[in-house]
Amino acid sequence: RKGEPFTMVFTRVTDRTCITAIDIPAEKVKGFELPLDKPVSLTITPKKVGVEAFHCTAMAMGNGRIVVE
C-alpha cells in the first residue's frame, strides 16, 4: 500500500542471466545487487498508487512489477 514500507526478498538461482542487479526507478533504487544463491532483502515505501516497474541494471530487461494500492 502507498506509504507503507514492505520488504521484498530476491534469490537469484542462476548465473545464466543479466539480472545480477536491479533498478526500481520510481523508488530511486539503482544497482541493487542480487548475489547468486543468497536471499537478499530490500525494503521500500511506495509513494504513489499504481504499478512500479523494475528491471535488471545491465540492460533494463526483466520486466518486474510492483503493484501499489
N, C-alpha and C. Protein backbone atom coordinates (compact mmCIF):
# COMPACT_ATOMS: atom_id res chain seq x y z
N ARG A 1 0.82 -1.19 0.00
CA ARG A 1 0.00 0.00 0.00
C ARG A 1 0.87 1.26 0.00
N LYS A 2 0.34 2.27 -0.62
CA LYS A 2 1.03 3.56 -0.66
C LYS A 2 1.38 4.01 0.76
N GLY A 3 2.62 4.45 0.94
CA GLY A 3 3.06 4.98 2.21
C GLY A 3 3.41 3.95 3.28
N GLU A 4 3.23 2.67 2.98
CA GLU A 4 3.55 1.62 3.94
C GLU A 4 4.79 0.86 3.49
N PRO A 5 5.81 0.79 4.35
CA PRO A 5 7.01 0.05 3.96
C PRO A 5 6.71 -1.45 3.80
N PHE A 6 7.37 -2.05 2.84
CA PHE A 6 7.28 -3.50 2.69
C PHE A 6 8.62 -4.02 2.21
N THR A 7 8.85 -5.29 2.48
CA THR A 7 10.14 -5.90 2.17
C THR A 7 9.95 -7.00 1.13
N MET A 8 10.80 -6.95 0.11
CA MET A 8 10.85 -7.99 -0.92
C MET A 8 12.12 -8.79 -0.70
N VAL A 9 12.05 -10.08 -0.94
CA VAL A 9 13.23 -10.93 -0.84
C VAL A 9 13.48 -11.54 -2.21
N PHE A 10 14.68 -11.33 -2.72
CA PHE A 10 15.08 -11.85 -4.02
C PHE A 10 16.13 -12.93 -3.82
N THR A 11 16.03 -14.02 -4.59
CA THR A 11 17.06 -15.05 -4.60
C THR A 11 17.36 -15.38 -6.06
N ARG A 12 18.54 -14.99 -6.51
CA ARG A 12 18.96 -15.33 -7.88
C ARG A 12 19.48 -16.75 -7.87
N VAL A 13 18.91 -17.62 -8.71
CA VAL A 13 19.25 -19.04 -8.68
C VAL A 13 20.03 -19.51 -9.91
N THR A 14 20.41 -18.59 -10.77
CA THR A 14 21.20 -18.97 -11.95
C THR A 14 22.22 -17.89 -12.26
N ASP A 15 23.33 -18.31 -12.85
CA ASP A 15 24.31 -17.33 -13.31
C ASP A 15 24.16 -17.10 -14.82
N ARG A 16 23.15 -17.71 -15.42
CA ARG A 16 22.90 -17.56 -16.85
C ARG A 16 21.83 -16.49 -17.08
N THR A 17 22.10 -15.30 -16.57
CA THR A 17 21.16 -14.18 -16.66
C THR A 17 21.91 -12.86 -16.56
N CYS A 18 21.31 -11.82 -17.10
CA CYS A 18 21.89 -10.49 -16.92
C CYS A 18 21.35 -9.84 -15.65
N ILE A 19 20.41 -10.51 -15.00
CA ILE A 19 19.78 -9.91 -13.82
C ILE A 19 20.60 -10.23 -12.57
N THR A 20 21.73 -9.57 -12.47
CA THR A 20 22.59 -9.72 -11.30
C THR A 20 22.44 -8.53 -10.36
N ALA A 21 21.72 -7.52 -10.83
CA ALA A 21 21.39 -6.33 -10.03
C ALA A 21 20.13 -5.74 -10.65
N ILE A 22 19.32 -5.07 -9.81
CA ILE A 22 18.09 -4.48 -10.33
C ILE A 22 18.00 -2.98 -10.03
N ASP A 23 17.17 -2.33 -10.83
CA ASP A 23 16.82 -0.93 -10.63
C ASP A 23 15.31 -0.85 -10.44
N ILE A 24 14.88 0.01 -9.53
CA ILE A 24 13.46 0.34 -9.37
C ILE A 24 13.39 1.86 -9.49
N PRO A 25 13.24 2.37 -10.71
CA PRO A 25 13.33 3.82 -10.93
C PRO A 25 12.41 4.66 -10.06
N ALA A 26 11.17 4.24 -9.86
CA ALA A 26 10.22 5.04 -9.07
C ALA A 26 10.66 5.18 -7.61
N GLU A 27 11.46 4.24 -7.15
CA GLU A 27 11.94 4.26 -5.76
C GLU A 27 13.39 4.73 -5.65
N LYS A 28 13.96 5.14 -6.77
CA LYS A 28 15.36 5.60 -6.82
C LYS A 28 16.34 4.52 -6.34
N VAL A 29 15.99 3.26 -6.63
CA VAL A 29 16.89 2.13 -6.34
C VAL A 29 17.67 1.86 -7.61
N LYS A 30 18.99 1.86 -7.51
CA LYS A 30 19.86 1.67 -8.67
C LYS A 30 20.96 0.69 -8.31
N GLY A 31 21.06 -0.38 -9.09
CA GLY A 31 22.16 -1.32 -8.91
C GLY A 31 22.08 -2.17 -7.65
N PHE A 32 20.86 -2.53 -7.23
CA PHE A 32 20.71 -3.39 -6.05
C PHE A 32 21.19 -4.79 -6.41
N GLU A 33 22.28 -5.22 -5.80
CA GLU A 33 22.95 -6.47 -6.15
C GLU A 33 22.15 -7.70 -5.73
N LEU A 34 22.13 -8.70 -6.63
CA LEU A 34 21.48 -9.98 -6.38
C LEU A 34 22.53 -11.08 -6.47
N PRO A 35 23.18 -11.39 -5.36
CA PRO A 35 24.21 -12.43 -5.39
C PRO A 35 23.60 -13.80 -5.67
N LEU A 36 24.37 -14.65 -6.28
CA LEU A 36 23.92 -15.99 -6.64
C LEU A 36 23.63 -16.83 -5.39
N ASP A 37 22.46 -17.47 -5.37
CA ASP A 37 22.06 -18.42 -4.32
C ASP A 37 22.04 -17.84 -2.91
N LYS A 38 21.83 -16.53 -2.81
CA LYS A 38 21.79 -15.91 -1.49
C LYS A 38 20.58 -14.97 -1.44
N PRO A 39 19.61 -15.21 -0.55
CA PRO A 39 18.48 -14.29 -0.46
C PRO A 39 18.93 -12.92 0.05
N VAL A 40 18.43 -11.88 -0.60
CA VAL A 40 18.69 -10.51 -0.16
C VAL A 40 17.37 -9.78 -0.05
N SER A 41 17.26 -8.94 0.97
CA SER A 41 16.02 -8.21 1.24
C SER A 41 16.17 -6.75 0.85
N LEU A 42 15.06 -6.20 0.36
CA LEU A 42 15.01 -4.79 0.01
C LEU A 42 13.69 -4.24 0.53
N THR A 43 13.76 -3.22 1.36
CA THR A 43 12.56 -2.59 1.90
C THR A 43 12.37 -1.24 1.22
N ILE A 44 11.15 -1.01 0.72
CA ILE A 44 10.80 0.26 0.10
C ILE A 44 9.47 0.74 0.68
N THR A 45 9.22 2.04 0.51
CA THR A 45 7.94 2.63 0.90
C THR A 45 7.39 3.33 -0.33
N PRO A 46 6.45 2.70 -1.04
CA PRO A 46 5.91 3.31 -2.27
C PRO A 46 5.25 4.65 -1.99
N LYS A 47 5.48 5.58 -2.89
CA LYS A 47 4.98 6.94 -2.70
C LYS A 47 3.68 7.21 -3.43
N LYS A 48 3.30 6.36 -4.40
CA LYS A 48 2.04 6.58 -5.10
C LYS A 48 1.42 5.26 -5.55
N VAL A 49 0.11 5.31 -5.76
CA VAL A 49 -0.65 4.14 -6.20
C VAL A 49 -0.36 3.88 -7.68
N GLY A 50 -0.32 2.62 -8.05
CA GLY A 50 -0.09 2.25 -9.44
C GLY A 50 0.87 1.09 -9.55
N VAL A 51 1.43 0.94 -10.72
CA VAL A 51 2.38 -0.14 -10.99
C VAL A 51 3.77 0.47 -11.13
N GLU A 52 4.71 -0.04 -10.35
CA GLU A 52 6.10 0.38 -10.43
C GLU A 52 6.88 -0.74 -11.12
N ALA A 53 7.59 -0.39 -12.15
CA ALA A 53 8.39 -1.38 -12.88
C ALA A 53 9.77 -1.50 -12.24
N PHE A 54 10.34 -2.71 -12.35
CA PHE A 54 11.76 -2.88 -12.03
C PHE A 54 12.37 -3.79 -13.07
N HIS A 55 13.68 -3.67 -13.24
CA HIS A 55 14.38 -4.39 -14.30
C HIS A 55 15.84 -4.55 -13.93
N CYS A 56 16.55 -5.32 -14.75
CA CYS A 56 17.98 -5.51 -14.49
C CYS A 56 18.73 -4.21 -14.75
N THR A 57 19.78 -4.02 -14.00
CA THR A 57 20.61 -2.84 -14.16
C THR A 57 21.38 -2.87 -15.48
N ALA A 58 21.83 -4.03 -15.88
CA ALA A 58 22.71 -4.15 -17.04
C ALA A 58 22.05 -3.72 -18.35
N MET A 59 20.83 -4.22 -18.62
CA MET A 59 20.23 -3.97 -19.93
C MET A 59 18.76 -3.55 -19.84
N ALA A 60 18.29 -3.19 -18.66
CA ALA A 60 16.89 -2.78 -18.43
C ALA A 60 15.90 -3.86 -18.90
N MET A 61 16.27 -5.12 -18.67
CA MET A 61 15.39 -6.24 -19.03
C MET A 61 14.83 -6.85 -17.75
N GLY A 62 13.88 -7.74 -17.88
CA GLY A 62 13.32 -8.46 -16.75
C GLY A 62 11.86 -8.15 -16.48
N ASN A 63 11.47 -6.92 -16.70
CA ASN A 63 10.06 -6.52 -16.64
C ASN A 63 9.32 -6.95 -15.37
N GLY A 64 9.91 -6.74 -14.21
CA GLY A 64 9.21 -7.00 -12.96
C GLY A 64 8.25 -5.86 -12.66
N ARG A 65 7.23 -6.17 -11.84
CA ARG A 65 6.25 -5.15 -11.48
C ARG A 65 5.91 -5.24 -10.00
N ILE A 66 5.72 -4.07 -9.41
CA ILE A 66 5.24 -3.96 -8.04
C ILE A 66 3.90 -3.23 -8.13
N VAL A 67 2.84 -3.85 -7.64
CA VAL A 67 1.51 -3.24 -7.69
C VAL A 67 1.26 -2.56 -6.34
N VAL A 68 1.04 -1.26 -6.40
CA VAL A 68 0.84 -0.46 -5.18
C VAL A 68 -0.63 -0.04 -5.12
N GLU A 69 -1.27 -0.36 -4.01
CA GLU A 69 -2.67 0.02 -3.82
C GLU A 69 -2.78 1.29 -3.01
